């Protein structure tokens, strides 16, 4: 299981208002050897406080269990009407067998 919470602020350091927005997120193998254009997994994105600029991305153990070792890239897109913003992007390193639930 993986989850992360993001607190988004505007240029005046006030919470960004996500009221009326929807969000989505995917990850795929990064550029280079083994890169793909097919998403390796899709995150669940929940805007947990629209007025407070807070959202959470998560992916369950069924999906994380099937990921192969390597570097992945991800992004989080938010949209309001026809306007789409790439609000977060980054890298995720997947290592096999680091830990498991007891």
Protein backbone atom coordinates (compact mmCIF):
# COMPACT_ATOMS: atom_id res chain seq x y z
CA UNK A 1 0.00 0.00 0.00
CA UNK A 2 1.20 3.49 -0.83
CA UNK A 3 -0.39 6.82 -0.01
CA UNK A 4 0.75 10.41 0.12
CA UNK A 5 -0.96 13.63 1.11
CA UNK A 6 -0.28 16.90 -0.71
CA UNK A 7 -0.99 20.40 0.60
CA UNK A 8 -1.08 22.85 -2.30
CA UNK A 9 -0.63 26.60 -1.85
CA UNK A 10 -0.78 29.47 -4.30
CA UNK A 11 1.89 32.13 -4.85
CA UNK A 12 0.78 34.02 -1.72
CA UNK A 13 1.17 30.82 0.35
CA UNK A 14 -2.61 30.47 0.80
CA UNK A 15 -4.31 27.08 0.29
CA UNK A 16 -5.26 26.50 -3.35
CA UNK A 17 -9.01 26.08 -3.68
CA UNK A 18 -9.88 22.83 -5.50
CA UNK A 19 -13.64 23.30 -5.22
CA UNK A 20 -15.20 21.98 -8.45
CA UNK A 21 -12.01 20.20 -9.55
CA UNK A 22 -11.45 16.53 -10.33
CA UNK A 23 -8.09 14.77 -10.15
CA UNK A 24 -6.32 11.74 -11.60
CA UNK A 25 -2.86 10.20 -11.36
CA UNK A 26 -0.86 7.45 -13.05
CA UNK A 27 2.68 6.16 -13.03
CA UNK A 28 4.72 4.48 -15.75
CA UNK A 29 8.27 3.24 -16.25
CA UNK A 30 10.61 6.19 -16.71
CA UNK A 31 12.45 7.12 -19.88
CA UNK A 32 15.32 4.82 -20.74
CA UNK A 33 15.70 1.07 -20.67
CA UNK A 34 12.36 -0.58 -20.02
CA UNK A 35 10.36 2.62 -20.50
CA UNK A 36 6.75 2.30 -21.55
CA UNK A 37 3.92 4.58 -22.53
CA UNK A 38 1.41 2.29 -20.82
CA UNK A 39 0.62 3.17 -17.20
CA UNK A 40 1.98 0.65 -14.69
CA UNK A 41 -0.76 1.62 -12.26
CA UNK A 42 -3.41 4.25 -11.67
CA UNK A 43 -3.56 6.00 -8.32
CA UNK A 44 -6.78 6.76 -6.51
CA UNK A 45 -6.91 10.51 -5.95
CA UNK A 46 -9.16 12.03 -3.31
CA UNK A 47 -9.52 15.74 -2.77
CA UNK A 48 -9.83 15.59 1.01
CA UNK A 49 -10.19 19.35 1.61
CA UNK A 50 -11.09 21.28 -1.53
CA UNK A 51 -11.05 24.70 0.15
CA UNK A 52 -7.89 23.75 2.07
CA UNK A 53 -5.94 22.65 -1.01
CA UNK A 54 -5.42 19.09 0.26
CA UNK A 55 -5.54 15.88 -1.76
CA UNK A 56 -4.32 12.33 -1.25
CA UNK A 57 -3.04 9.79 -3.77
CA UNK A 58 -3.01 6.10 -2.99
CA UNK A 59 -2.58 2.69 -4.55
CA UNK A 60 -3.47 -0.59 -2.90
CA UNK A 61 -1.40 -3.67 -2.19
CA UNK A 62 -2.90 -5.60 -5.12
CA UNK A 63 -1.37 -3.06 -7.53
CA UNK A 64 1.91 -2.45 -5.69
CA UNK A 65 2.53 -6.20 -5.49
CA UNK A 66 2.65 -6.44 -9.31
CA UNK A 67 5.14 -3.61 -9.91
CA UNK A 68 8.56 -4.63 -11.17
CA UNK A 69 11.75 -3.14 -9.76
CA UNK A 70 12.89 0.12 -11.26
CA UNK A 71 12.33 3.83 -11.60
CA UNK A 72 8.90 5.16 -12.46
CA UNK A 73 7.54 8.61 -13.17
CA UNK A 74 4.17 9.87 -12.05
CA UNK A 75 2.01 12.94 -12.28
CA UNK A 76 -1.19 14.25 -10.74
CA UNK A 77 -3.57 16.10 -13.02
CA UNK A 78 -6.40 18.31 -11.78
CA UNK A 79 -9.09 19.69 -14.01
CA UNK A 80 -11.87 22.20 -13.89
CA UNK A 81 -14.02 22.12 -17.00
CA UNK A 82 -11.79 21.76 -20.07
CA UNK A 83 -8.71 23.15 -18.28
CA UNK A 84 -6.19 20.55 -17.09
CA UNK A 85 -3.22 21.31 -14.83
CA UNK A 86 -0.23 19.06 -14.15
CA UNK A 87 0.03 19.94 -10.48
CA UNK A 88 2.55 17.36 -9.20
CA UNK A 89 5.08 15.09 -10.89
CA UNK A 90 8.08 13.13 -9.80
CA UNK A 91 9.94 9.83 -9.56
CA UNK A 92 9.18 6.68 -7.61
CA UNK A 93 11.78 3.97 -6.98
CA UNK A 94 10.45 0.43 -6.61
CA UNK A 95 12.62 -2.08 -4.77
CA UNK A 96 11.65 -5.72 -4.33
CA UNK A 97 11.26 -7.41 -0.97
CA UNK A 98 12.09 -4.53 1.39
CA UNK A 99 9.33 -5.45 3.82
CA UNK A 100 6.03 -7.21 4.06
CA UNK A 101 3.09 -7.13 6.40
CA UNK A 102 3.36 -9.51 9.38
